[in-house]
C-alpha atoms as a PDB file:
ATOM      1  CA  MET A   1      98.628 -25.888 -69.380  1.00  0.00           C
ATOM      2  CA  SER A   2      98.711 -28.651 -66.771  1.00  0.00           C
ATOM      3  CA  ILE A   3      99.393 -27.795 -63.148  1.00  0.00           C
ATOM      4  CA  LEU A   4      99.634 -31.480 -62.138  1.00  0.00           C
ATOM      5  CA  GLU A   5     100.891 -34.566 -63.984  1.00  0.00           C
ATOM      6  CA  CYS A   6     100.866 -38.102 -62.609  1.00  0.00           C
ATOM      7  CA  ARG A   7     102.719 -40.584 -64.792  1.00  0.00           C
ATOM      8  CA  SER A   8     102.576 -44.374 -64.340  1.00  0.00           C
ATOM      9  CA  LEU A   9     101.970 -43.841 -60.637  1.00  0.00           C
ATOM     10  CA  TYR A  10     101.905 -46.815 -58.264  1.00  0.00           C
ATOM     11  CA  LYS A  11     101.608 -46.958 -54.490  1.00  0.00           C
ATOM     12  CA  ASN A  12     101.765 -50.133 -52.413  1.00  0.00           C
ATOM     13  CA  TYR A  13     101.491 -50.698 -48.672  1.00  0.00           C
ATOM     14  CA  GLY A  14     103.238 -54.017 -48.349  1.00  0.00           C
ATOM     15  CA  ASN A  15     101.264 -56.439 -50.504  1.00  0.00           C
ATOM     16  CA  LYS A  16      98.304 -54.093 -50.747  1.00  0.00           C
ATOM     17  CA  ARG A  17      98.178 -51.975 -53.914  1.00  0.00           C
ATOM     18  CA  VAL A  18      96.411 -48.649 -53.397  1.00  0.00           C
ATOM     19  CA  LEU A  19      97.160 -46.883 -56.687  1.00  0.00           C
ATOM     20  CA  GLU A  20      97.925 -48.704 -59.913  1.00  0.00           C
ATOM     21  CA  ASN A  21      99.316 -47.180 -63.106  1.00  0.00           C
ATOM     22  CA  MET A  22      97.619 -43.833 -62.591  1.00  0.00           C
ATOM     23  CA  ASN A  23      98.087 -41.356 -65.429  1.00  0.00           C
ATOM     24  CA  ILE A  24      96.353 -38.035 -65.088  1.00  0.00           C
ATOM     25  CA  SER A  25      96.828 -34.475 -66.307  1.00  0.00           C
ATOM     26  CA  VAL A  26      95.126 -31.696 -64.344  1.00  0.00           C
ATOM     27  CA  PRO A  27      94.621 -28.290 -66.018  1.00  0.00           C
ATOM     28  CA  ALA A  28      95.223 -24.949 -64.331  1.00  0.00           C
ATOM     29  CA  GLY A  29      92.339 -22.690 -63.394  1.00  0.00           C
ATOM     30  CA  LYS A  30      89.793 -25.402 -62.555  1.00  0.00           C
ATOM     31  CA  ILE A  31      87.927 -26.770 -59.545  1.00  0.00           C
ATOM     32  CA  ILE A  32      88.217 -30.540 -59.787  1.00  0.00           C
ATOM     33  CA  GLY A  33      86.550 -33.247 -57.736  1.00  0.00           C
ATOM     34  CA  LEU A  34      88.606 -36.338 -56.940  1.00  0.00           C
ATOM     35  CA  LEU A  35      85.678 -38.567 -56.110  1.00  0.00           C
ATOM     36  CA  GLY A  36      85.502 -42.123 -54.909  1.00  0.00           C
ATOM     37  CA  PRO A  37      84.407 -44.442 -52.088  1.00  0.00           C
ATOM     38  CA  ASN A  38      86.260 -44.498 -48.794  1.00  0.00           C
ATOM     39  CA  GLY A  39      89.520 -46.411 -49.032  1.00  0.00           C
ATOM     40  CA  CYS A  40      90.074 -45.976 -52.774  1.00  0.00           C
ATOM     41  CA  GLY A  41      93.313 -44.001 -52.415  1.00  0.00           C
ATOM     42  CA  LYS A  42      92.161 -40.374 -52.630  1.00  0.00           C
ATOM     43  CA  SER A  43      94.036 -39.229 -49.522  1.00  0.00           C
ATOM     44  CA  THR A  44      97.070 -41.300 -50.470  1.00  0.00           C
ATOM     45  CA  LEU A  45      97.297 -39.518 -53.810  1.00  0.00           C
ATOM     46  CA  ILE A  46      96.938 -36.087 -52.176  1.00  0.00           C
ATOM     47  CA  LYS A  47      99.681 -36.886 -49.659  1.00  0.00           C
ATOM     48  CA  MET A  48     102.025 -37.997 -52.449  1.00  0.00           C
ATOM     49  CA  ILE A  49     101.418 -34.742 -54.328  1.00  0.00           C
ATOM     50  CA  CYS A  50     102.331 -32.881 -51.118  1.00  0.00           C
ATOM     51  CA  GLY A  51     105.482 -34.978 -50.662  1.00  0.00           C
ATOM     52  CA  LEU A  52     104.204 -36.546 -47.448  1.00  0.00           C
ATOM     53  CA  LEU A  53     104.257 -40.023 -49.007  1.00  0.00           C
ATOM     54  CA  VAL A  54     106.658 -41.419 -51.600  1.00  0.00           C
ATOM     55  CA  PRO A  55     105.288 -43.289 -54.647  1.00  0.00           C
ATOM     56  CA  SER A  56     106.295 -46.920 -55.023  1.00  0.00           C
ATOM     57  CA  SER A  57     107.023 -46.040 -58.649  1.00  0.00           C
ATOM     58  CA  GLY A  58     106.090 -43.413 -61.192  1.00  0.00           C
ATOM     59  CA  GLU A  59     106.377 -39.648 -61.305  1.00  0.00           C
ATOM     60  CA  ILE A  60     104.457 -36.615 -60.046  1.00  0.00           C
ATOM     61  CA  TRP A  61     105.085 -33.164 -61.531  1.00  0.00           C
ATOM     62  CA  VAL A  62     103.572 -29.919 -60.254  1.00  0.00           C
ATOM     63  CA  ASP A  63     103.799 -26.809 -62.421  1.00  0.00           C
ATOM     64  CA  GLY A  64     106.446 -28.530 -64.525  1.00  0.00           C
ATOM     65  CA  MET A  65     108.612 -29.488 -61.531  1.00  0.00           C
ATOM     66  CA  PRO A  66     109.149 -32.806 -59.713  1.00  0.00           C
ATOM     67  CA  ILE A  67     107.839 -33.020 -56.162  1.00  0.00           C
ATOM     68  CA  GLY A  68     110.155 -31.206 -53.739  1.00  0.00           C
ATOM     69  CA  PRO A  69     110.605 -27.988 -51.725  1.00  0.00           C
ATOM     70  CA  GLN A  70     109.944 -25.860 -54.800  1.00  0.00           C
ATOM     71  CA  THR A  71     106.524 -27.445 -55.358  1.00  0.00           C
ATOM     72  CA  ASN A  72     105.611 -27.364 -51.670  1.00  0.00           C
ATOM     73  CA  GLY A  73     105.859 -23.582 -51.875  1.00  0.00           C
ATOM     74  CA  ILE A  74     103.017 -23.374 -54.404  1.00  0.00           C
ATOM     75  CA  ILE A  75     100.707 -25.996 -52.847  1.00  0.00           C
ATOM     76  CA  SER A  76      98.196 -25.142 -50.115  1.00  0.00           C
ATOM     77  CA  TYR A  77      97.042 -28.332 -48.376  1.00  0.00           C
ATOM     78  CA  LEU A  78      94.039 -28.979 -46.156  1.00  0.00           C
ATOM     79  CA  PRO A  79      94.481 -32.410 -44.523  1.00  0.00           C
ATOM     80  CA  GLU A  80      91.603 -34.694 -43.668  1.00  0.00           C
ATOM     81  CA  ARG A  81      92.331 -34.324 -39.941  1.00  0.00           C
ATOM     82  CA  THR A  82      93.159 -31.129 -38.093  1.00  0.00           C
ATOM     83  CA  TYR A  83      96.791 -30.539 -37.176  1.00  0.00           C
ATOM     84  CA  LEU A  84      96.401 -27.280 -35.243  1.00  0.00           C
ATOM     85  CA  SER A  85      97.527 -26.974 -31.624  1.00  0.00           C
ATOM     86  CA  ASN A  86      94.555 -26.388 -29.340  1.00  0.00           C
ATOM     87  CA  GLY A  87      96.657 -24.156 -27.106  1.00  0.00           C
ATOM     88  CA  MET A  88      97.239 -21.578 -29.824  1.00  0.00           C
ATOM     89  CA  LYS A  89      95.215 -18.435 -30.280  1.00  0.00           C
ATOM     90  CA  VAL A  90      93.770 -17.821 -33.731  1.00  0.00           C
ATOM     91  CA  ILE A  91      95.858 -14.659 -34.103  1.00  0.00           C
ATOM     92  CA  ASP A  92      99.018 -16.638 -33.213  1.00  0.00           C
ATOM     93  CA  LEU A  93      98.141 -19.063 -35.979  1.00  0.00           C
ATOM     94  CA  ILE A  94      97.827 -16.194 -38.446  1.00  0.00           C
ATOM     95  CA  ASP A  95     101.222 -14.834 -37.345  1.00  0.00           C
ATOM     96  CA  TYR A  96     102.719 -18.306 -37.825  1.00  0.00           C
ATOM     97  CA  PHE A  97     101.321 -18.647 -41.328  1.00  0.00           C
ATOM     98  CA  CYS A  98     102.527 -15.145 -42.223  1.00  0.00           C
ATOM     99  CA  ASP A  99     106.047 -16.076 -41.136  1.00  0.00           C
ATOM    100  CA  PHE A 100     106.023 -19.503 -42.799  1.00  0.00           C
ATOM    101  CA  TYR A 101     104.326 -18.765 -46.131  1.00  0.00           C
ATOM    102  CA  ARG A 102     105.362 -15.812 -48.281  1.00  0.00           C
ATOM    103  CA  ASP A 103     102.076 -16.032 -50.201  1.00  0.00           C
ATOM    104  CA  PHE A 104      99.844 -15.824 -47.108  1.00  0.00           C
ATOM    105  CA  ASP A 105      97.372 -12.922 -47.295  1.00  0.00           C
ATOM    106  CA  ARG A 106      96.849 -11.707 -43.727  1.00  0.00           C
ATOM    107  CA  LYS A 107      94.172  -9.194 -44.738  1.00  0.00           C
ATOM    108  CA  ARG A 108      92.155 -11.910 -46.481  1.00  0.00           C
ATOM    109  CA  ALA A 109      92.403 -14.216 -43.466  1.00  0.00           C
ATOM    110  CA  MET A 110      91.246 -11.488 -41.079  1.00  0.00           C
ATOM    111  CA  LYS A 111      88.317 -10.646 -43.359  1.00  0.00           C
ATOM    112  CA  MET A 112      87.172 -14.291 -43.405  1.00  0.00           C
ATOM    113  CA  LEU A 113      87.427 -14.472 -39.616  1.00  0.00           C
ATOM    114  CA  GLN A 114      85.359 -11.292 -39.362  1.00  0.00           C
ATOM    115  CA  ASP A 115      82.720 -12.683 -41.725  1.00  0.00           C
ATOM    116  CA  LEU A 116      82.384 -15.727 -39.473  1.00  0.00           C
ATOM    117  CA  MET A 117      82.471 -13.634 -36.282  1.00  0.00           C
ATOM    118  CA  ILE A 118      85.475 -15.615 -35.000  1.00  0.00           C
ATOM    119  CA  ASP A 119      87.457 -13.666 -32.416  1.00  0.00           C
ATOM    120  CA  PRO A 120      91.166 -13.763 -33.371  1.00  0.00           C
ATOM    121  CA  ALA A 121      92.008 -13.697 -29.649  1.00  0.00           C
ATOM    122  CA  SER A 122      90.182 -17.012 -29.077  1.00  0.00           C
ATOM    123  CA  ARG A 123      92.168 -20.104 -28.242  1.00  0.00           C
ATOM    124  CA  LEU A 124      91.433 -23.021 -30.525  1.00  0.00           C
ATOM    125  CA  ARG A 125      90.477 -25.254 -27.592  1.00  0.00           C
ATOM    126  CA  THR A 126      87.544 -22.927 -26.821  1.00  0.00           C
ATOM    127  CA  LEU A 127      86.103 -23.259 -30.322  1.00  0.00           C
ATOM    128  CA  SER A 128      83.710 -25.949 -31.515  1.00  0.00           C
ATOM    129  CA  LYS A 129      85.001 -28.690 -33.795  1.00  0.00           C
ATOM    130  CA  GLY A 130      83.252 -27.111 -36.781  1.00  0.00           C
ATOM    131  CA  THR A 131      84.696 -23.671 -36.049  1.00  0.00           C
ATOM    132  CA  ARG A 132      88.217 -25.084 -35.700  1.00  0.00           C
ATOM    133  CA  GLU A 133      87.785 -26.719 -39.099  1.00  0.00           C
ATOM    134  CA  LYS A 134      86.675 -23.387 -40.550  1.00  0.00           C
ATOM    135  CA  VAL A 135      89.754 -21.692 -39.079  1.00  0.00           C
ATOM    136  CA  GLN A 136      91.969 -24.321 -40.698  1.00  0.00           C
ATOM    137  CA  LEU A 137      90.212 -23.808 -44.040  1.00  0.00           C
ATOM    138  CA  ILE A 138      90.731 -20.042 -43.728  1.00  0.00           C
ATOM    139  CA  MET A 139      94.459 -20.583 -43.231  1.00  0.00           C
ATOM    140  CA  VAL A 140      94.599 -22.707 -46.378  1.00  0.00           C
ATOM    141  CA  MET A 141      92.472 -20.450 -48.585  1.00  0.00           C
ATOM    142  CA  ALA A 142      94.231 -17.253 -47.471  1.00  0.00           C
ATOM    143  CA  ARG A 143      97.334 -18.324 -49.360  1.00  0.00           C
ATOM    144  CA  ASN A 144      97.871 -17.241 -52.972  1.00  0.00           C
ATOM    145  CA  ALA A 145      98.820 -20.743 -54.067  1.00  0.00           C
ATOM    146  CA  LYS A 146      98.816 -22.294 -57.517  1.00  0.00           C
ATOM    147  CA  LEU A 147      97.384 -25.622 -56.340  1.00  0.00           C
ATOM    148  CA  TYR A 148      94.950 -26.095 -53.460  1.00  0.00           C
ATOM    149  CA  LEU A 149      94.528 -29.666 -52.199  1.00  0.00           C
ATOM    150  CA  LEU A 150      91.471 -30.032 -49.970  1.00  0.00           C
ATOM    151  CA  ASP A 151      91.117 -33.502 -48.477  1.00  0.00           C
ATOM    152  CA  GLU A 152      87.505 -34.183 -47.388  1.00  0.00           C
ATOM    153  CA  PRO A 153      86.780 -30.534 -46.480  1.00  0.00           C
ATOM    154  CA  ILE A 154      83.055 -31.140 -45.880  1.00  0.00           C
ATOM    155  CA  ALA A 155      83.148 -34.497 -44.096  1.00  0.00           C
ATOM    156  CA  GLY A 156      81.754 -34.441 -40.582  1.00  0.00           C
ATOM    157  CA  VAL A 157      80.328 -30.900 -40.696  1.00  0.00           C
ATOM    158  CA  ASP A 158      76.709 -29.777 -40.673  1.00  0.00           C
ATOM    159  CA  PRO A 159      74.925 -28.678 -43.888  1.00  0.00           C
ATOM    160  CA  ALA A 160      75.186 -24.965 -43.046  1.00  0.00           C
ATOM    161  CA  SER A 161      78.938 -25.335 -42.532  1.00  0.00           C
ATOM    162  CA  ARG A 162      79.204 -27.177 -45.836  1.00  0.00           C
ATOM    163  CA  ASP A 163      77.604 -24.239 -47.611  1.00  0.00           C
ATOM    164  CA  TYR A 164      80.049 -21.845 -45.978  1.00  0.00           C
ATOM    165  CA  ILE A 165      83.021 -24.016 -46.899  1.00  0.00           C
ATOM    166  CA  LEU A 166      81.958 -24.170 -50.543  1.00  0.00           C
ATOM    167  CA  GLN A 167      81.396 -20.417 -50.681  1.00  0.00           C
ATOM    168  CA  THR A 168      84.793 -19.830 -49.073  1.00  0.00           C
ATOM    169  CA  ILE A 169      86.444 -21.963 -51.729  1.00  0.00           C
ATOM    170  CA  LEU A 170      84.641 -20.169 -54.571  1.00  0.00           C
ATOM    171  CA  GLN A 171      85.246 -16.652 -53.274  1.00  0.00           C
ATOM    172  CA  ASN A 172      88.819 -16.860 -52.066  1.00  0.00           C
ATOM    173  CA  TYR A 173      90.926 -19.004 -54.362  1.00  0.00           C
ATOM    174  CA  ASN A 174      93.029 -17.512 -57.146  1.00  0.00           C
ATOM    175  CA  PRO A 175      90.987 -18.078 -60.355  1.00  0.00           C
ATOM    176  CA  GLU A 176      94.210 -18.905 -62.192  1.00  0.00           C
ATOM    177  CA  ALA A 177      94.935 -21.635 -59.653  1.00  0.00           C
ATOM    178  CA  THR A 178      93.545 -25.169 -59.443  1.00  0.00           C
ATOM    179  CA  VAL A 179      91.542 -26.612 -56.570  1.00  0.00           C
ATOM    180  CA  ILE A 180      91.376 -30.383 -56.099  1.00  0.00           C
ATOM    181  CA  ILE A 181      88.733 -31.544 -53.638  1.00  0.00           C
ATOM    182  CA  THR A 182      88.495 -35.136 -52.435  1.00  0.00           C
ATOM    183  CA  THR A 183      85.144 -36.362 -51.158  1.00  0.00           C
ATOM    184  CA  HIS A 184      82.533 -39.084 -51.401  1.00  0.00           C
ATOM    185  CA  LEU A 185      79.752 -36.560 -50.692  1.00  0.00           C
ATOM    186  CA  ILE A 186      79.062 -35.815 -54.347  1.00  0.00           C
ATOM    187  CA  HIS A 187      75.645 -34.220 -53.937  1.00  0.00           C
ATOM    188  CA  ASP A 188      77.006 -31.403 -51.771  1.00  0.00           C
ATOM    189  CA  ILE A 189      80.060 -30.596 -53.860  1.00  0.00           C
ATOM    190  CA  GLU A 190      79.170 -31.133 -57.508  1.00  0.00           C
ATOM    191  CA  ARG A 191      77.645 -27.698 -58.145  1.00  0.00           C
ATOM    192  CA  ILE A 192      81.034 -26.002 -57.813  1.00  0.00           C
ATOM    193  CA  LEU A 193      83.032 -28.511 -59.894  1.00  0.00           C
ATOM    194  CA  ASP A 194      84.388 -27.778 -63.363  1.00  0.00           C
ATOM    195  CA  GLU A 195      85.793 -31.280 -63.833  1.00  0.00           C
ATOM    196  CA  PHE A 196      85.781 -34.577 -61.959  1.00  0.00           C
ATOM    197  CA  VAL A 197      87.531 -37.916 -61.648  1.00  0.00           C
ATOM    198  CA  PHE A 198      85.883 -41.074 -60.293  1.00  0.00           C
ATOM    199  CA  LEU A 199      88.590 -43.107 -58.579  1.00  0.00           C
ATOM    200  CA  GLY A 200      87.918 -46.807 -58.029  1.00  0.00           C
ATOM    201  CA  PHE A 201      89.591 -49.273 -55.683  1.00  0.00           C
ATOM    202  CA  GLY A 202      93.105 -50.009 -56.852  1.00  0.00           C
ATOM    203  CA  GLY A 203      93.521 -46.428 -57.983  1.00  0.00           C
ATOM    204  CA  GLU A 204      92.029 -46.904 -61.432  1.00  0.00           C
ATOM    205  CA  ILE A 205      90.249 -43.960 -63.030  1.00  0.00           C
ATOM    206  CA  VAL A 206      86.729 -45.206 -63.687  1.00  0.00           C
ATOM    207  CA  MET A 207      85.330 -42.058 -65.291  1.00  0.00           C
ATOM    208  CA  GLY A 208      86.262 -38.406 -65.631  1.00  0.00           C
ATOM    209  CA  GLY A 209      85.912 -35.230 -67.648  1.00  0.00           C
ATOM    210  CA  ASN A 210      84.027 -31.957 -67.792  1.00  0.00           C
ATOM    211  CA  ALA A 211      81.212 -32.038 -65.238  1.00  0.00           C
ATOM    212  CA  ASP A 212      78.640 -30.226 -67.394  1.00  0.00           C
ATOM    213  CA  ASP A 213      79.439 -32.308 -70.474  1.00  0.00           C
ATOM    214  CA  ILE A 214      79.050 -35.584 -68.592  1.00  0.00           C
ATOM    215  CA  ARG A 215      75.781 -34.487 -67.000  1.00  0.00           C
ATOM    216  CA  GLY A 216      74.464 -33.544 -70.452  1.00  0.00           C
ATOM    217  CA  GLN A 217      75.685 -36.777 -72.027  1.00  0.00           C
ATOM    218  CA  TYR A 218      74.123 -39.082 -69.436  1.00  0.00           C
ATOM    219  CA  GLY A 219      71.189 -36.927 -68.340  1.00  0.00           C
ATOM    220  CA  LYS A 220      72.162 -37.516 -64.708  1.00  0.00           C
ATOM    221  CA  THR A 221      73.844 -35.645 -61.906  1.00  0.00           C
ATOM    222  CA  LEU A 222      77.354 -36.648 -60.890  1.00  0.00           C
ATOM    223  CA  ASP A 223      75.859 -37.953 -57.654  1.00  0.00           C
ATOM    224  CA  GLU A 224      73.506 -40.232 -59.588  1.00  0.00           C
ATOM    225  CA  LEU A 225      76.349 -41.424 -61.819  1.00  0.00           C
ATOM    226  CA  PHE A 226      78.546 -42.032 -58.784  1.00  0.00           C
ATOM    227  CA  ARG A 227      75.848 -44.162 -57.144  1.00  0.00           C
ATOM    228  CA  GLU A 228      75.415 -46.136 -60.360  1.00  0.00           C
ATOM    229  CA  VAL A 229      79.145 -46.704 -60.915  1.00  0.00           C
ATOM    230  CA  PHE A 230      79.823 -47.727 -57.325  1.00  0.00           C
ATOM    231  CA  LYS A 231      76.505 -49.397 -56.469  1.00  0.00           C
ATOM    232  CA  TYR A 232      78.167 -52.733 -55.702  1.00  0.00           C
ATOM    233  CA  VAL A 233      80.834 -51.205 -53.462  1.00  0.00           C
ATOM    234  CA  GLN A 234      80.104 -51.606 -49.764  1.00  0.00           C
END
């Protein structure tokens, strides 16, 4: 069963075409890498799935429903940039998420904070940039969503933080749900991926499929294939 369907999807910004005739079906219960160079439309696609941007044409369906309030309730979204108020305490943020999302698991969030030794009474402004990003990831992964959309979750963080982020994703998402991760840092992320999509400029799908099958077919890692496919892209 598909959790996400994009049908004849186009997105233009004025005369600039970002996505062109994208058709993709994403199965449930998988961790999928949406991989491509910077500026190829990864974040644009994620924002359209969340309803934050409107397609120029085409359709997006999530769990058999068109994009709208009913799909927003089953999507947990981690944006590329933090949106949290620095004046809030971590515990206030947890209270907010509990009130706003019926599927938010407070116990799970508190356990992840404890594992990281983050004091719930801390104000976000007192935390390092990396710790604030971890708090935001905890808020996203503590929901019992059907579709997790993680936009560049490992960009700009140190290698140790990347390992924690990947472990958090693996250990805390609903195994019946789907996780879509956008990144251009293939080497760090590929070990957790079930499937992948290489997205080229203009929104075309250059390559995709089962990660293990493709590695076996080509005798290369996804990172090596990515570098080969996009070697002429600056």
